[in-house]
Every structure is written in structure tokens, then in C-alpha cells.
Amino acid sequence: ARNAAQAITRQTGRGPSGPGQITLRTRAARQVTLFKRRHRLA
């Protein structure tokens, strides 16, 4: 998130013209394979 914020602050025209936006989103994922292991819920 800090990398994203720093990229937004370097973007021309951001700041006075309006804030940049970062969204933190969480969701459940079902029947996911991570590193060759199947997980019922992730």
C-alpha cells in the first residue's frame, strides 16, 4: 500500500486536484490450489 501511495503522490496533477484512492478488499475464495495443495477455503 505504501508503494501505491508513493506512486500516487508522484503522479502529475494529484493532490490539489483531488486525492488518489487505495482500496483494501477482502473476500473468501473456495477450492483454491496454493503451491500444489488444495485448500477448501482461502
Full PDB file with SEQRES, HELIX, SHEET, SSBOND, CRYST1, ORIGX, SCALE, CONECT and MASTER records, all heavy atoms in Angstrom:
SEQRES   1 A   42  ALA ARG ASN ALA ALA GLN ALA ILE THR ARG GLN THR GLY          
SEQRES   2 A   42  ARG GLY PRO SER GLY PRO GLY GLN ILE THR LEU ARG THR          
SEQRES   3 A   42  ARG ALA ALA ARG GLN VAL THR LEU PHE LYS ARG ARG HIS          
SEQRES   4 A   42  ARG LEU ALA                                                  
HELIX    1 AA1 ARG A    2  ARG A   10  1                                   9    
SHEET    1 AA1 2 ARG A  30  LEU A  34  0                                        
SHEET    2 AA1 2 ARG A  37  LEU A  41 -1                                        
CRYST1    1.000    1.000    1.000  90.00  90.00  90.00 P 1           1          
ORIGX1      1.000000  0.000000  0.000000        0.00000                         
ORIGX2      0.000000  1.000000  0.000000        0.00000                         
ORIGX3      0.000000  0.000000  1.000000        0.00000                         
SCALE1      1.000000  0.000000  0.000000        0.00000                         
SCALE2      0.000000  1.000000  0.000000        0.00000                         
SCALE3      0.000000  0.000000  1.000000        0.00000                         
ATOM      1  N   ALA A   1       0.823  -1.209   0.000  1.00  0.00           N  
ATOM      2  CA  ALA A   1       0.000   0.000   0.000  1.00  0.00           C  
ATOM      3  C   ALA A   1       0.857   1.260   0.000  1.00  0.00           C  
ATOM      4  O   ALA A   1       0.516   2.254  -0.649  1.00  0.00           O  
ATOM      5  CB  ALA A   1      -0.936  -0.013   1.209  1.00  0.00           C  
ATOM      6  N   ARG A   2       1.984   1.239   0.699  1.00  0.00           N  
ATOM      7  CA  ARG A   2       2.853   2.425   0.712  1.00  0.00           C  
ATOM      8  C   ARG A   2       3.468   2.650  -0.664  1.00  0.00           C  
ATOM      9  O   ARG A   2       3.598   3.797  -1.098  1.00  0.00           O  
ATOM     10  CB  ARG A   2       3.937   2.260   1.775  1.00  0.00           C  
ATOM     11  CG  ARG A   2       4.862   3.469   1.886  1.00  0.00           C  
ATOM     12  CD  ARG A   2       5.846   3.308   3.011  1.00  0.00           C  
ATOM     13  NE  ARG A   2       5.235   3.584   4.300  1.00  0.00           N  
ATOM     14  CZ  ARG A   2       5.618   3.023   5.448  1.00  0.00           C  
ATOM     15  NH1 ARG A   2       6.558   2.098   5.441  1.00  0.00           N  
ATOM     16  NH2 ARG A   2       5.034   3.359   6.581  1.00  0.00           N  
ATOM     17  N   ASN A   3       3.841   1.569  -1.350  1.00  0.00           N  
ATOM     18  CA  ASN A   3       4.328   1.731  -2.722  1.00  0.00           C  
ATOM     19  C   ASN A   3       3.270   2.414  -3.588  1.00  0.00           C  
ATOM     20  O   ASN A   3       3.578   3.297  -4.394  1.00  0.00           O  
ATOM     21  CB  ASN A   3       4.671   0.361  -3.326  1.00  0.00           C  
ATOM     22  CG  ASN A   3       6.061  -0.107  -2.971  1.00  0.00           C  
ATOM     23  OD1 ASN A   3       6.786   0.579  -2.257  1.00  0.00           O  
ATOM     24  ND2 ASN A   3       6.432  -1.274  -3.446  1.00  0.00           N  
ATOM     25  N   ALA A   4       2.014   1.973  -3.425  1.00  0.00           N  
ATOM     26  CA  ALA A   4       0.929   2.574  -4.198  1.00  0.00           C  
ATOM     27  C   ALA A   4       0.762   4.048  -3.850  1.00  0.00           C  
ATOM     28  O   ALA A   4       0.595   4.896  -4.737  1.00  0.00           O  
ATOM     29  CB  ALA A   4      -0.374   1.813  -3.937  1.00  0.00           C  
ATOM     30  N   ALA A   5       0.814   4.373  -2.561  1.00  0.00           N  
ATOM     31  CA  ALA A   5       0.656   5.761  -2.132  1.00  0.00           C  
ATOM     32  C   ALA A   5       1.779   6.632  -2.681  1.00  0.00           C  
ATOM     33  O   ALA A   5       1.551   7.763  -3.128  1.00  0.00           O  
ATOM     34  CB  ALA A   5       0.616   5.826  -0.608  1.00  0.00           C  
ATOM     35  N   GLN A   6       2.994   6.125  -2.651  1.00  0.00           N  
ATOM     36  CA  GLN A   6       4.121   6.899  -3.174  1.00  0.00           C  
ATOM     37  C   GLN A   6       3.998   7.105  -4.679  1.00  0.00           C  
ATOM     38  O   GLN A   6       4.336   8.174  -5.198  1.00  0.00           O  
ATOM     39  CB  GLN A   6       5.433   6.191  -2.828  1.00  0.00           C  
ATOM     40  CG  GLN A   6       5.761   6.238  -1.341  1.00  0.00           C  
ATOM     41  CD  GLN A   6       6.914   5.323  -0.958  1.00  0.00           C  
ATOM     42  OE1 GLN A   6       7.295   4.424  -1.705  1.00  0.00           O  
ATOM     43  NE2 GLN A   6       7.475   5.557   0.215  1.00  0.00           N  
ATOM     44  N   ALA A   7       3.486   6.087  -5.392  1.00  0.00           N  
ATOM     45  CA  ALA A   7       3.281   6.242  -6.836  1.00  0.00           C  
ATOM     46  C   ALA A   7       2.217   7.299  -7.114  1.00  0.00           C  
ATOM     47  O   ALA A   7       2.354   8.102  -8.045  1.00  0.00           O  
ATOM     48  CB  ALA A   7       2.878   4.910  -7.456  1.00  0.00           C  
ATOM     49  N   ILE A   8       1.164   7.319  -6.297  1.00  0.00           N  
ATOM     50  CA  ILE A   8       0.098   8.304  -6.474  1.00  0.00           C  
ATOM     51  C   ILE A   8       0.621   9.719  -6.219  1.00  0.00           C  
ATOM     52  O   ILE A   8       0.312  10.658  -6.961  1.00  0.00           O  
ATOM     53  CB  ILE A   8      -1.092   7.986  -5.553  1.00  0.00           C  
ATOM     54  CG1 ILE A   8      -1.816   6.728  -6.046  1.00  0.00           C  
ATOM     55  CG2 ILE A   8      -2.055   9.160  -5.467  1.00  0.00           C  
ATOM     56  CD1 ILE A   8      -2.873   6.217  -5.096  1.00  0.00           C  
ATOM     57  N   THR A   9       1.457   9.893  -5.194  1.00  0.00           N  
ATOM     58  CA  THR A   9       1.968  11.226  -4.874  1.00  0.00           C  
ATOM     59  C   THR A   9       2.903  11.743  -5.960  1.00  0.00           C  
ATOM     60  O   THR A   9       3.030  12.956  -6.154  1.00  0.00           O  
ATOM     61  CB  THR A   9       2.728  11.223  -3.533  1.00  0.00           C  
ATOM     62  OG1 THR A   9       3.840  10.321  -3.607  1.00  0.00           O  
ATOM     63  CG2 THR A   9       1.814  10.806  -2.396  1.00  0.00           C  
ATOM     64  N   ARG A  10       3.560  10.822  -6.680  1.00  0.00           N  
ATOM     65  CA  ARG A  10       4.462  11.250  -7.764  1.00  0.00           C  
ATOM     66  C   ARG A  10       3.703  11.559  -9.041  1.00  0.00           C  
ATOM     67  O   ARG A  10       4.268  12.128  -9.972  1.00  0.00           O  
ATOM     68  CB  ARG A  10       5.504  10.160  -8.058  1.00  0.00           C  
ATOM     69  CG  ARG A  10       6.447   9.879  -6.917  1.00  0.00           C  
ATOM     70  CD  ARG A  10       7.647   9.065  -7.385  1.00  0.00           C  
ATOM     71  NE  ARG A  10       7.260   7.867  -8.089  1.00  0.00           N  
ATOM     72  CZ  ARG A  10       7.016   6.693  -7.507  1.00  0.00           C  
ATOM     73  NH1 ARG A  10       7.098   6.595  -6.191  1.00  0.00           N  
ATOM     74  NH2 ARG A  10       6.686   5.632  -8.226  1.00  0.00           N  
ATOM     75  N   GLN A  11       2.443  11.147  -9.117  1.00  0.00           N  
ATOM     76  CA  GLN A  11       1.675  11.320 -10.347  1.00  0.00           C  
ATOM     77  C   GLN A  11       1.329  12.792 -10.546  1.00  0.00           C  
ATOM     78  O   GLN A  11       0.804  13.453  -9.662  1.00  0.00           O  
ATOM     79  CB  GLN A  11       0.391  10.492 -10.298  1.00  0.00           C  
ATOM     80  CG  GLN A  11      -0.341  10.420 -11.619  1.00  0.00           C  
ATOM     81  CD  GLN A  11      -1.537   9.482 -11.530  1.00  0.00           C  
ATOM     82  OE1 GLN A  11      -1.923   9.073 -10.449  1.00  0.00           O  
ATOM     83  NE2 GLN A  11      -2.111   9.150 -12.662  1.00  0.00           N  
ATOM     84  N   THR A  12       1.600  13.289 -11.725  1.00  0.00           N  
ATOM     85  CA  THR A  12       1.349  14.690 -12.026  1.00  0.00           C  
ATOM     86  C   THR A  12      -0.127  15.019 -11.869  1.00  0.00           C  
ATOM     87  O   THR A  12      -0.992  14.312 -12.363  1.00  0.00           O  
ATOM     88  CB  THR A  12       1.785  15.013 -13.468  1.00  0.00           C  
ATOM     89  OG1 THR A  12       3.154  14.663 -13.608  1.00  0.00           O  
ATOM     90  CG2 THR A  12       1.581  16.480 -13.787  1.00  0.00           C  
ATOM     91  N   GLY A  13      -0.397  16.110 -11.161  1.00  0.00           N  
ATOM     92  CA  GLY A  13      -1.775  16.571 -11.040  1.00  0.00           C  
ATOM     93  C   GLY A  13      -2.526  16.004  -9.859  1.00  0.00           C  
ATOM     94  O   GLY A  13      -3.633  16.432  -9.582  1.00  0.00           O  
ATOM     95  N   ARG A  14      -1.944  15.037  -9.126  1.00  0.00           N  
ATOM     96  CA  ARG A  14      -2.654  14.509  -7.961  1.00  0.00           C  
ATOM     97  C   ARG A  14      -2.376  15.414  -6.761  1.00  0.00           C  
ATOM     98  O   ARG A  14      -1.370  16.115  -6.686  1.00  0.00           O  
ATOM     99  CB  ARG A  14      -2.203  13.082  -7.649  1.00  0.00           C  
ATOM    100  CG  ARG A  14      -2.448  12.096  -8.748  1.00  0.00           C  
ATOM    101  CD  ARG A  14      -3.868  12.156  -9.282  1.00  0.00           C  
ATOM    102  NE  ARG A  14      -4.808  11.513  -8.403  1.00  0.00           N  
ATOM    103  CZ  ARG A  14      -5.219  10.251  -8.548  1.00  0.00           C  
ATOM    104  NH1 ARG A  14      -4.748   9.502  -9.522  1.00  0.00           N  
ATOM    105  NH2 ARG A  14      -6.100   9.737  -7.729  1.00  0.00           N  
ATOM    106  N   GLY A  15      -3.211  15.362  -5.818  1.00  0.00           N  
ATOM    107  CA  GLY A  15      -3.056  16.205  -4.639  1.00  0.00           C  
ATOM    108  C   GLY A  15      -4.060  17.334  -4.695  1.00  0.00           C  
ATOM    109  O   GLY A  15      -5.214  17.170  -4.285  1.00  0.00           O  
ATOM    110  N   PRO A  16      -3.670  18.507  -5.216  1.00  0.00           N  
ATOM    111  CA  PRO A  16      -4.622  19.624  -5.254  1.00  0.00           C  
ATOM    112  C   PRO A  16      -5.888  19.310  -6.048  1.00  0.00           C  
ATOM    113  O   PRO A  16      -6.961  19.812  -5.738  1.00  0.00           O  
ATOM    114  CB  PRO A  16      -3.803  20.727  -5.925  1.00  0.00           C  
ATOM    115  CG  PRO A  16      -2.380  20.377  -5.663  1.00  0.00           C  
ATOM    116  CD  PRO A  16      -2.336  18.884  -5.676  1.00  0.00           C  
ATOM    117  N   SER A  17      -5.764  18.490  -7.096  1.00  0.00           N  
ATOM    118  CA  SER A  17      -6.931  18.204  -7.925  1.00  0.00           C  
ATOM    119  C   SER A  17      -7.829  17.130  -7.331  1.00  0.00           C  
ATOM    120  O   SER A  17      -8.892  16.841  -7.856  1.00  0.00           O  
ATOM    121  CB  SER A  17      -6.478  17.757  -9.324  1.00  0.00           C  
ATOM    122  OG  SER A  17      -5.757  16.542  -9.238  1.00  0.00           O  
ATOM    123  N   GLY A  18      -7.403  16.541  -6.239  1.00  0.00           N  
ATOM    124  CA  GLY A  18      -8.220  15.510  -5.615  1.00  0.00           C  
ATOM    125  C   GLY A  18      -7.346  14.361  -5.153  1.00  0.00           C  
ATOM    126  O   GLY A  18      -6.296  14.095  -5.729  1.00  0.00           O  
ATOM    127  N   PRO A  19      -7.769  13.672  -4.087  1.00  0.00           N  
ATOM    128  CA  PRO A  19      -6.937  12.597  -3.554  1.00  0.00           C  
ATOM    129  C   PRO A  19      -6.919  11.372  -4.447  1.00  0.00           C  
ATOM    130  O   PRO A  19      -7.892  11.071  -5.140  1.00  0.00           O  
ATOM    131  CB  PRO A  19      -7.596  12.283  -2.205  1.00  0.00           C  
ATOM    132  CG  PRO A  19      -9.029  12.681  -2.394  1.00  0.00           C  
ATOM    133  CD  PRO A  19      -9.004  13.857  -3.326  1.00  0.00           C  
ATOM    134  N   GLY A  20      -5.797  10.682  -4.429  1.00  0.00           N  
ATOM    135  CA  GLY A  20      -5.755   9.372  -5.039  1.00  0.00           C  
ATOM    136  C   GLY A  20      -6.503   8.389  -4.151  1.00  0.00           C  
ATOM    137  O   GLY A  20      -6.865   8.707  -3.008  1.00  0.00           O  
ATOM    138  N   GLN A  21      -6.726   7.196  -4.662  1.00  0.00           N  
ATOM    139  CA  GLN A  21      -7.548   6.240  -3.917  1.00  0.00           C  
ATOM    140  C   GLN A  21      -6.892   4.870  -3.869  1.00  0.00           C  
ATOM    141  O   GLN A  21      -6.428   4.365  -4.883  1.00  0.00           O  
ATOM    142  CB  GLN A  21      -8.933   6.119  -4.559  1.00  0.00           C  
ATOM    143  CG  GLN A  21      -9.876   5.214  -3.780  1.00  0.00           C  
ATOM    144  CD  GLN A  21     -11.301   5.351  -4.276  1.00  0.00           C  
ATOM    145  OE1 GLN A  21     -12.016   6.272  -3.923  1.00  0.00           O  
ATOM    146  NE2 GLN A  21     -11.709   4.420  -5.121  1.00  0.00           N  
ATOM    147  N   ILE A  22      -6.855   4.294  -2.679  1.00  0.00           N  
ATOM    148  CA  ILE A  22      -6.421   2.907  -2.471  1.00  0.00           C  
ATOM    149  C   ILE A  22      -7.594   2.164  -1.839  1.00  0.00           C  
ATOM    150  O   ILE A  22      -8.228   2.665  -0.906  1.00  0.00           O  
ATOM    151  CB  ILE A  22      -5.178   2.834  -1.574  1.00  0.00           C  
ATOM    152  CG1 ILE A  22      -3.970   3.454  -2.283  1.00  0.00           C  
ATOM    153  CG2 ILE A  22      -4.872   1.385  -1.180  1.00  0.00           C  
ATOM    154  CD1 ILE A  22      -2.720   3.494  -1.435  1.00  0.00           C  
ATOM    155  N   THR A  23      -7.882   0.991  -2.358  1.00  0.00           N  
ATOM    156  CA  THR A  23      -8.973   0.171  -1.827  1.00  0.00           C  
ATOM    157  C   THR A  23      -8.396  -1.104  -1.228  1.00  0.00           C  
ATOM    158  O   THR A  23      -7.599  -1.800  -1.873  1.00  0.00           O  
ATOM    159  CB  THR A  23      -9.989  -0.190  -2.925  1.00  0.00           C  
ATOM    160  OG1 THR A  23     -10.526   1.005  -3.487  1.00  0.00           O  
ATOM    161  CG2 THR A  23     -11.114  -1.038  -2.373  1.00  0.00           C  
ATOM    162  N   LEU A  24      -8.784  -1.393   0.003  1.00  0.00           N  
ATOM    163  CA  LEU A  24      -8.429  -2.647   0.671  1.00  0.00           C  
ATOM    164  C   LEU A  24      -9.666  -3.532   0.659  1.00  0.00           C  
ATOM    165  O   LEU A  24     -10.676  -3.198   1.293  1.00  0.00           O  
ATOM    166  CB  LEU A  24      -7.962  -2.376   2.101  1.00  0.00           C  
ATOM    167  CG  LEU A  24      -6.804  -1.383   2.262  1.00  0.00           C  
ATOM    168  CD1 LEU A  24      -6.522  -1.127   3.737  1.00  0.00           C  
ATOM    169  CD2 LEU A  24      -5.547  -1.890   1.558  1.00  0.00           C  
ATOM    170  N   ARG A  25      -9.596  -4.642  -0.058  1.00  0.00           N  
ATOM    171  CA  ARG A  25     -10.771  -5.502  -0.246  1.00  0.00           C  
ATOM    172  C   ARG A  25     -10.455  -6.910   0.235  1.00  0.00           C  
ATOM    173  O   ARG A  25      -9.379  -7.452  -0.056  1.00  0.00           O  
ATOM    174  CB  ARG A  25     -11.163  -5.533  -1.719  1.00  0.00           C  
ATOM    175  CG  ARG A  25     -12.327  -6.466  -2.044  1.00  0.00           C  
ATOM    176  CD  ARG A  25     -12.580  -6.503  -3.542  1.00  0.00           C  
ATOM    177  NE  ARG A  25     -12.965  -5.178  -4.046  1.00  0.00           N  
ATOM    178  CZ  ARG A  25     -12.883  -4.837  -5.324  1.00  0.00           C  
ATOM    179  NH1 ARG A  25     -12.425  -5.683  -6.224  1.00  0.00           N  
ATOM    180  NH2 ARG A  25     -13.263  -3.631  -5.695  1.00  0.00           N  
ATOM    181  N   THR A  26     -11.367  -7.537   0.947  1.00  0.00           N  
ATOM    182  CA  THR A  26     -11.201  -8.922   1.388  1.00  0.00           C  
ATOM    183  C   THR A  26     -12.368  -9.756   0.884  1.00  0.00           C  
ATOM    184  O   THR A  26     -13.509  -9.310   0.870  1.00  0.00           O  
ATOM    185  CB  THR A  26     -11.138  -9.029   2.926  1.00  0.00           C  
ATOM    186  OG1 THR A  26     -12.345  -8.522   3.498  1.00  0.00           O  
ATOM    187  CG2 THR A  26      -9.952  -8.249   3.475  1.00  0.00           C  
ATOM    188  N   ARG A  27     -12.044 -10.962   0.487  1.00  0.00           N  
ATOM    189  CA  ARG A  27     -13.047 -11.901   0.005  1.00  0.00           C  
ATOM    190  C   ARG A  27     -12.625 -13.325   0.389  1.00  0.00           C  
ATOM    191  O   ARG A  27     -11.446 -13.600   0.648  1.00  0.00           O  
ATOM    192  CB  ARG A  27     -13.201 -11.822  -1.519  1.00  0.00           C  
ATOM    193  CG  ARG A  27     -13.788 -10.517  -2.046  1.00  0.00           C  
ATOM    194  CD  ARG A  27     -15.249 -10.380  -1.662  1.00  0.00           C  
ATOM    195  NE  ARG A  27     -15.854  -9.191  -2.251  1.00  0.00           N  
ATOM    196  CZ  ARG A  27     -15.884  -7.994  -1.670  1.00  0.00           C  
ATOM    197  NH1 ARG A  27     -15.317  -7.817  -0.492  1.00  0.00           N  
ATOM    198  NH2 ARG A  27     -16.473  -6.979  -2.273  1.00  0.00           N  
ATOM    199  N   ALA A  28     -13.588 -14.238   0.379  1.00  0.00           N  
ATOM    200  CA  ALA A  28     -13.299 -15.662   0.547  1.00  0.00           C  
ATOM    201  C   ALA A  28     -13.152 -16.291  -0.829  1.00  0.00           C  
ATOM    202  O   ALA A  28     -13.877 -15.944  -1.766  1.00  0.00           O  
ATOM    203  CB  ALA A  28     -14.412 -16.341   1.323  1.00  0.00           C  
ATOM    204  N   ALA A  29     -12.198 -17.187  -0.960  1.00  0.00           N  
ATOM    205  CA  ALA A  29     -12.019 -17.956  -2.196  1.00  0.00           C  
ATOM    206  C   ALA A  29     -12.102 -19.431  -1.837  1.00  0.00           C  
ATOM    207  O   ALA A  29     -11.460 -19.879  -0.873  1.00  0.00           O  
ATOM    208  CB  ALA A  29     -10.673 -17.640  -2.846  1.00  0.00           C  
ATOM    209  N   ARG A  30     -12.886 -20.178  -2.596  1.00  0.00           N  
ATOM    210  CA  ARG A  30     -13.120 -21.580  -2.267  1.00  0.00           C  
ATOM    211  C   ARG A  30     -12.444 -22.492  -3.278  1.00  0.00           C  
ATOM    212  O   ARG A  30     -12.319 -22.149  -4.454  1.00  0.00           O  
ATOM    213  CB  ARG A  30     -14.622 -21.868  -2.198  1.00  0.00           C  
ATOM    214  CG  ARG A  30     -15.271 -21.233  -0.979  1.00  0.00           C  
ATOM    215  CD  ARG A  30     -16.774 -21.354  -0.951  1.00  0.00           C  
ATOM    216  NE  ARG A  30     -17.320 -20.888   0.328  1.00  0.00           N  
ATOM    217  CZ  ARG A  30     -17.451 -19.605   0.653  1.00  0.00           C  
ATOM    218  NH1 ARG A  30     -17.100 -18.671  -0.206  1.00  0.00           N  
ATOM    219  NH2 ARG A  30     -17.934 -19.272   1.833  1.00  0.00           N  
ATOM    220  N   GLN A  31     -11.998 -23.650  -2.780  1.00  0.00           N  
ATOM    221  CA  GLN A  31     -11.345 -24.669  -3.606  1.00  0.00           C  
ATOM    222  C   GLN A  31     -10.191 -24.051  -4.393  1.00  0.00           C  
ATOM    223  O   GLN A  31     -10.151 -24.029  -5.619  1.00  0.00           O  
ATOM    224  CB  GLN A  31     -12.362 -25.321  -4.543  1.00  0.00           C  
ATOM    225  CG  GLN A  31     -13.537 -25.982  -3.848  1.00  0.00           C  
ATOM    226  CD  GLN A  31     -13.106 -27.047  -2.846  1.00  0.00           C  
ATOM    227  OE1 GLN A  31     -12.122 -27.765  -3.051  1.00  0.00           O  
ATOM    228  NE2 GLN A  31     -13.843 -27.161  -1.747  1.00  0.00           N  
ATOM    229  N   VAL A  32      -9.206 -23.543  -3.638  1.00  0.00           N  
ATOM    230  CA  VAL A  32      -8.051 -22.854  -4.214  1.00  0.00           C  
ATOM    231  C   VAL A  32      -6.822 -23.740  -4.081  1.00  0.00           C  
ATOM    232  O   VAL A  32      -6.601 -24.375  -3.046  1.00  0.00           O  
ATOM    233  CB  VAL A  32      -7.815 -21.504  -3.501  1.00  0.00           C  
ATOM    234  CG1 VAL A  32      -6.544 -20.839  -4.006  1.00  0.00           C  
ATOM    235  CG2 VAL A  32      -9.011 -20.590  -3.703  1.00  0.00           C  
ATOM    236  N   THR A  33      -6.002 -23.779  -5.128  1.00  0.00           N  
ATOM    237  CA  THR A  33      -4.735 -24.502  -5.097  1.00  0.00           C  
ATOM    238  C   THR A  33      -3.599 -23.515  -4.883  1.00  0.00           C  
ATOM    239  O   THR A  33      -3.405 -22.599  -5.679  1.00  0.00           O  
ATOM    240  CB  THR A  33      -4.498 -25.286  -6.403  1.00  0.00           C  
ATOM    241  OG1 THR A  33      -5.577 -26.222  -6.580  1.00  0.00           O  
ATOM    242  CG2 THR A  33      -3.182 -26.053  -6.359  1.00  0.00           C  
ATOM    243  N   LEU A  34      -2.862 -23.702  -3.787  1.00  0.00           N  
ATOM    244  CA  LEU A  34      -1.709 -22.864  -3.481  1.00  0.00           C  
ATOM    245  C   LEU A  34      -0.505 -23.761  -3.290  1.00  0.00           C  
ATOM    246  O   LEU A  34      -0.494 -24.612  -2.396  1.00  0.00           O  
ATOM    247  CB  LEU A  34      -1.960 -22.044  -2.208  1.00  0.00           C  
ATOM    248  CG  LEU A  34      -3.176 -21.104  -2.222  1.00  0.00           C  
ATOM    249  CD1 LEU A  34      -3.387 -20.503  -0.843  1.00  0.00           C  
ATOM    250  CD2 LEU A  34      -2.996 -20.012  -3.261  1.00  0.00           C  
ATOM    251  N   PHE A  35       0.490 -23.594  -4.152  1.00  0.00           N  
ATOM    252  CA  PHE A  35       1.697 -24.419  -4.080  1.00  0.00           C  
ATOM    253  C   PHE A  35       1.370 -25.914  -4.059  1.00  0.00           C  
ATOM    254  O   PHE A  35       1.812 -26.670  -3.199  1.00  0.00           O  
ATOM    255  CB  PHE A  35       2.538 -24.049  -2.852  1.00  0.00           C  
ATOM    256  CG  PHE A  35       3.149 -22.682  -2.947  1.00  0.00           C  
ATOM    257  CD1 PHE A  35       2.767 -21.674  -2.081  1.00  0.00           C  
ATOM    258  CD2 PHE A  35       4.083 -22.387  -3.917  1.00  0.00           C  
ATOM    259  CE1 PHE A  35       3.305 -20.409  -2.172  1.00  0.00           C  
ATOM    260  CE2 PHE A  35       4.630 -21.125  -4.012  1.00  0.00           C  
ATOM    261  CZ  PHE A  35       4.247 -20.134  -3.145  1.00  0.00           C  
ATOM    262  N   LYS A  36       0.528 -26.301  -5.031  1.00  0.00           N  
ATOM    263  CA  LYS A  36       0.172 -27.694  -5.275  1.00  0.00           C  
ATOM    264  C   LYS A  36      -0.671 -28.309  -4.161  1.00  0.00           C  
ATOM    265  O   LYS A  36      -0.907 -29.512  -4.164  1.00  0.00           O  
ATOM    266  CB  LYS A  36       1.421 -28.552  -5.496  1.00  0.00           C  
ATOM    267  CG  LYS A  36       2.212 -28.174  -6.734  1.00  0.00           C  
ATOM    268  CD  LYS A  36       3.376 -29.130  -6.959  1.00  0.00           C  
ATOM    269  CE  LYS A  36       4.126 -28.793  -8.239  1.00  0.00           C  
ATOM    270  NZ  LYS A  36       5.236 -29.712  -8.484  1.00  0.00           N  
ATOM    271  N   ARG A  37      -1.133 -27.505  -3.218  1.00  0.00           N  
ATOM    272  CA  ARG A  37      -2.024 -28.014  -2.171  1.00  0.00           C  
ATOM    273  C   ARG A  37      -3.406 -27.412  -2.364  1.00  0.00           C  
ATOM    274  O   ARG A  37      -3.549 -26.202  -2.548  1.00  0.00           O  
ATOM    275  CB  ARG A  37      -1.501 -27.665  -0.775  1.00  0.00           C  
ATOM    276  CG  ARG A  37      -0.256 -28.425  -0.375  1.00  0.00           C  
ATOM    277  CD  ARG A  37       0.067 -28.200   1.084  1.00  0.00           C  
ATOM    278  NE  ARG A  37      -1.033 -28.618   1.954  1.00  0.00           N  
ATOM    279  CZ  ARG A  37      -1.064 -28.384   3.269  1.00  0.00           C  
ATOM    280  NH1 ARG A  37      -0.056 -27.744   3.859  1.00  0.00           N  
ATOM    281  NH2 ARG A  37      -2.099 -28.792   3.988  1.00  0.00           N  
ATOM    282  N   ARG A  38      -4.409 -28.267  -2.312  1.00  0.00           N  
ATOM    283  CA  ARG A  38      -5.786 -27.821  -2.486  1.00  0.00           C  
ATOM    284  C   ARG A  38      -6.347 -27.395  -1.139  1.00  0.00           C  
ATOM    285  O   ARG A  38      -6.247 -28.135  -0.158  1.00  0.00           O  
ATOM    286  CB  ARG A  38      -6.627 -28.967  -3.065  1.00  0.00           C  
ATOM    287  CG  ARG A  38      -8.010 -28.545  -3.538  1.00  0.00           C  
ATOM    288  CD  ARG A  38      -7.925 -27.752  -4.805  1.00  0.00           C  
ATOM    289  NE  ARG A  38      -9.241 -27.528  -5.396  1.00  0.00           N  
ATOM    290  CZ  ARG A  38      -9.449 -26.741  -6.432  1.00  0.00           C  
ATOM    291  NH1 ARG A  38      -8.438 -26.107  -6.999  1.00  0.00           N  
ATOM    292  NH2 ARG A  38     -10.654 -26.587  -6.932  1.00  0.00           N  
ATOM    293  N   HIS A  39      -6.904 -26.199  -1.096  1.00  0.00           N  
ATOM    294  CA  HIS A  39      -7.478 -25.681   0.149  1.00  0.00           C  
ATOM    295  C   HIS A  39      -8.978 -25.448  -0.052  1.00  0.00           C  
ATOM    296  O   HIS A  39      -9.391 -24.842  -1.037  1.00  0.00           O  
ATOM    297  CB  HIS A  39      -6.794 -24.371   0.546  1.00  0.00           C  
ATOM    298  CG  HIS A  39      -5.332 -24.532   0.862  1.00  0.00           C  
ATOM    299  ND1 HIS A  39      -4.871 -24.903   2.105  1.00  0.00           N  
ATOM    300  CD2 HIS A  39      -4.236 -24.389   0.076  1.00  0.00           C  
ATOM    301  CE1 HIS A  39      -3.549 -24.967   2.082  1.00  0.00           C  
ATOM    302  NE2 HIS A  39      -3.141 -24.655   0.862  1.00  0.00           N  
ATOM    303  N   ARG A  40      -9.725 -25.929   0.888  1.00  0.00           N  
ATOM    304  CA  ARG A  40     -11.170 -25.769   0.814  1.00  0.00           C  
ATOM    305  C   ARG A  40     -11.561 -24.298   0.871  1.00  0.00           C  
ATOM    306  O   ARG A  40     -12.510 -23.866   0.216  1.00  0.00           O  
ATOM    307  CB  ARG A  40     -11.818 -26.537   1.969  1.00  0.00           C  
ATOM    308  CG  ARG A  40     -13.339 -26.487   2.004  1.00  0.00           C  
ATOM    309  CD  ARG A  40     -13.867 -27.278   3.185  1.00  0.00           C  
ATOM    310  NE  ARG A  40     -13.313 -26.814   4.435  1.00  0.00           N  
ATOM    311  CZ  ARG A  40     -13.787 -25.766   5.119  1.00  0.00           C  
ATOM    312  NH1 ARG A  40     -14.832 -25.089   4.651  1.00  0.00           N  
ATOM    313  NH2 ARG A  40     -13.229 -25.399   6.250  1.00  0.00           N  
ATOM    314  N   LEU A  41     -10.815 -23.525   1.657  1.00  0.00           N  
ATOM    315  CA  LEU A  41     -11.136 -22.116   1.827  1.00  0.00           C  
ATOM    316  C   LEU A  41      -9.847 -21.319   1.929  1.00  0.00           C  
ATOM    317  O   LEU A  41      -8.877 -21.738   2.571  1.00  0.00           O  
ATOM    318  CB  LEU A  41     -11.962 -21.916   3.107  1.00  0.00           C  
ATOM    319  CG  LEU A  41     -12.530 -20.511   3.351  1.00  0.00           C  
ATOM    320  CD1 LEU A  41     -13.551 -20.155   2.276  1.00  0.00           C  
ATOM    321  CD2 LEU A  41     -13.165 -20.443   4.736  1.00  0.00           C  
ATOM    322  N   ALA A  42      -9.813 -20.169   1.273  1.00  0.00           N  
ATOM    323  CA  ALA A  42      -8.649 -19.287   1.318  1.00  0.00           C  
ATOM    324  C   ALA A  42      -9.119 -17.847   1.468  1.00  0.00           C  
ATOM    325  O   ALA A  42     -10.248 -17.492   1.118  1.00  0.00           O  
ATOM    326  CB  ALA A  42      -7.792 -19.444   0.063  1.00  0.00           C  
TER     327      ALA A  42                                                      
MASTER        0    0    0    1    2    0    0    6  326    1    0    4          
END                                                                             
